[in-house]
Every structure is written in C-alpha cells, then in structure tokens.
Amino acid sequence: VDWEVGTELVITPTERGQTEEVRRVLSIEDNGLTIRLDEPLRHEHLGIWYFNEEIPTPTDLRAAVGRLTRNVKVQGDERSLGYGNAYMFGVHIGAFHGGVMRIE
C-alpha cells in the first residue's frame, strides 16, 4: 500500500451485530504488505469467499478497508473539455450516513 503512518482507516463488519472499527496506521512493514494498527481490532473481520453447493455464486464475506484521511480528485476525460460537452459527461458523488463532503 502507499499509505502513510498516521492514516486513519475504517474496517467494515463481517458479522451481524458488529460495527465498523476505526484505527490509525502505526507502522508499515514488508515493503507495504503489512500494516500495524494503533490498537488491536475488537472483532474478527473475515477475508474469505463463502461457497455453498445450493447457491449458484459464491458470497463475498471479506471486510472492506477504507482510507478516511485522503483527498479525492474527480475529473472528466479530454472529451468533456470540448465545446458543448459540459453536461454530457459526469459522475454522481455522495456523502452518506452522516458523512461530510467539502467541495472546493
């Protein structure tokens, strides 16, 4: 990963009754393959696919890890710069569940 020490992360739940957990990166090791967190996780967060013969496709039970401390730049491609194309290309962006979004 290209994260920095101090980056704030959220780890999503993988079982009912759990909540997401927020931690900070304490150190980055093994050329970015291992991160150490500022405190242990309270819950187990799965990283597996669930296979069942009665279900035609596997179920993804992996926890998602999101980076909370970062900036994101949303920009159109070269075609959106052309005259008359200002409203032909775009994207929907949202902040949900009490999230905060600043657009500058």
Protein backbone atom coordinates (compact mmCIF):
# COMPACT_ATOMS: atom_id res chain seq x y z
CA VAL A 1 0.00 0.00 0.00
CA ASP A 2 1.08 3.60 -0.40
CA TRP A 3 -0.49 4.76 2.84
CA GLU A 4 1.39 6.83 5.36
CA VAL A 5 1.91 6.31 9.08
CA GLY A 6 -0.97 8.08 10.82
CA THR A 7 -3.52 7.32 8.08
CA GLU A 8 -6.98 6.76 9.57
CA LEU A 9 -8.71 3.56 8.37
CA VAL A 10 -12.19 2.08 8.71
CA ILE A 11 -12.70 -1.70 8.68
CA THR A 12 -16.24 -2.85 7.90
CA PRO A 13 -18.06 -5.55 9.89
CA THR A 14 -18.44 -9.07 8.52
CA GLU A 15 -20.93 -10.42 11.07
CA ARG A 16 -24.30 -9.26 12.37
CA GLY A 17 -24.14 -7.13 15.46
CA GLN A 18 -20.67 -5.81 14.74
CA THR A 19 -19.89 -2.21 13.94
CA GLU A 20 -17.11 -0.78 11.85
CA GLU A 21 -13.82 -0.13 13.58
CA VAL A 22 -11.63 2.92 13.06
CA ARG A 23 -7.87 2.69 13.58
CA ARG A 24 -4.70 4.56 12.63
CA VAL A 25 -1.67 3.09 10.86
CA LEU A 26 1.15 2.81 13.38
CA SER A 27 3.77 1.37 11.02
CA ILE A 28 4.16 -0.04 7.50
CA GLU A 29 6.36 -3.11 7.04
CA ASP A 30 7.38 -5.75 4.48
CA ASN A 31 7.54 -3.26 1.60
CA GLY A 32 3.95 -2.18 2.16
CA LEU A 33 2.42 -5.67 2.53
CA THR A 34 1.90 -5.42 6.30
CA ILE A 35 0.47 -2.59 8.38
CA ARG A 36 0.42 -2.32 12.16
CA LEU A 37 -2.51 -0.54 13.77
CA ASP A 38 -2.51 1.73 16.80
CA GLU A 39 -4.63 -0.76 18.75
CA PRO A 40 -5.93 -4.31 18.19
CA LEU A 41 -9.28 -4.85 16.48
CA ARG A 42 -12.11 -5.81 18.84
CA HIS A 43 -13.82 -8.15 16.36
CA GLU A 44 -12.76 -10.73 13.82
CA HIS A 45 -13.08 -9.40 10.26
CA LEU A 46 -13.29 -12.15 7.66
CA GLY A 47 -11.32 -12.18 4.44
CA ILE A 48 -12.96 -15.11 2.64
CA TRP A 49 -15.43 -16.14 -0.02
CA TYR A 50 -18.27 -18.46 1.14
CA PHE A 51 -19.06 -21.36 -1.20
CA ASN A 52 -22.26 -23.41 -0.89
CA GLU A 53 -23.50 -26.00 -3.38
CA GLU A 54 -27.07 -24.67 -3.05
CA ILE A 55 -26.07 -21.14 -4.05
CA PRO A 56 -25.02 -20.64 -7.70
CA THR A 57 -22.42 -17.97 -6.98
CA PRO A 58 -20.05 -17.55 -4.02
CA THR A 59 -20.77 -14.95 -1.36
CA ASP A 60 -18.11 -12.34 -0.64
CA LEU A 61 -17.56 -12.16 3.13
CA ARG A 62 -14.42 -10.06 3.00
CA ALA A 63 -14.26 -6.93 5.16
CA ALA A 64 -13.68 -3.69 3.29
CA VAL A 65 -10.90 -1.38 4.42
CA GLY A 66 -11.33 2.31 3.65
CA ARG A 67 -8.92 5.17 4.00
CA LEU A 68 -10.55 8.07 5.84
CA THR A 69 -7.71 10.57 5.62
CA ARG A 70 -7.28 11.42 1.95
CA ASN A 71 -8.32 13.78 -0.77
CA VAL A 72 -10.05 12.61 -3.93
CA LYS A 73 -9.99 14.49 -7.21
CA VAL A 74 -12.82 13.77 -9.67
CA GLN A 75 -12.08 14.92 -13.19
CA GLY A 76 -13.54 14.21 -16.62
CA ASP A 77 -11.55 12.96 -19.57
CA GLU A 78 -10.36 15.06 -22.53
CA ARG A 79 -13.70 14.71 -24.36
CA SER A 80 -15.51 16.55 -21.59
CA LEU A 81 -13.35 19.63 -22.22
CA GLY A 82 -14.76 20.15 -25.73
CA TYR A 83 -17.26 22.89 -26.55
CA GLY A 84 -20.83 21.80 -25.86
CA ASN A 85 -19.83 18.77 -23.82
CA ALA A 86 -20.08 20.38 -20.38
CA TYR A 87 -23.26 18.48 -19.49
CA MET A 88 -22.75 15.28 -21.50
CA PHE A 89 -20.29 13.52 -19.19
CA GLY A 90 -20.34 13.30 -15.43
CA VAL A 91 -20.50 11.34 -12.24
CA HIS A 92 -22.68 11.20 -9.13
CA ILE A 93 -20.87 11.73 -5.85
CA GLY A 94 -22.47 11.35 -2.43
CA ALA A 95 -21.70 11.53 1.27
CA PHE A 96 -23.87 9.14 3.25
CA HIS A 97 -24.77 8.17 6.81
CA GLY A 98 -23.70 11.42 8.41
CA GLY A 99 -20.66 11.81 6.18
CA VAL A 100 -19.18 15.19 5.47
CA MET A 101 -18.25 16.37 1.98
CA ARG A 102 -16.40 19.56 1.17
CA ILE A 103 -16.15 20.66 -2.42
CA GLU A 104 -13.56 23.29 -3.22
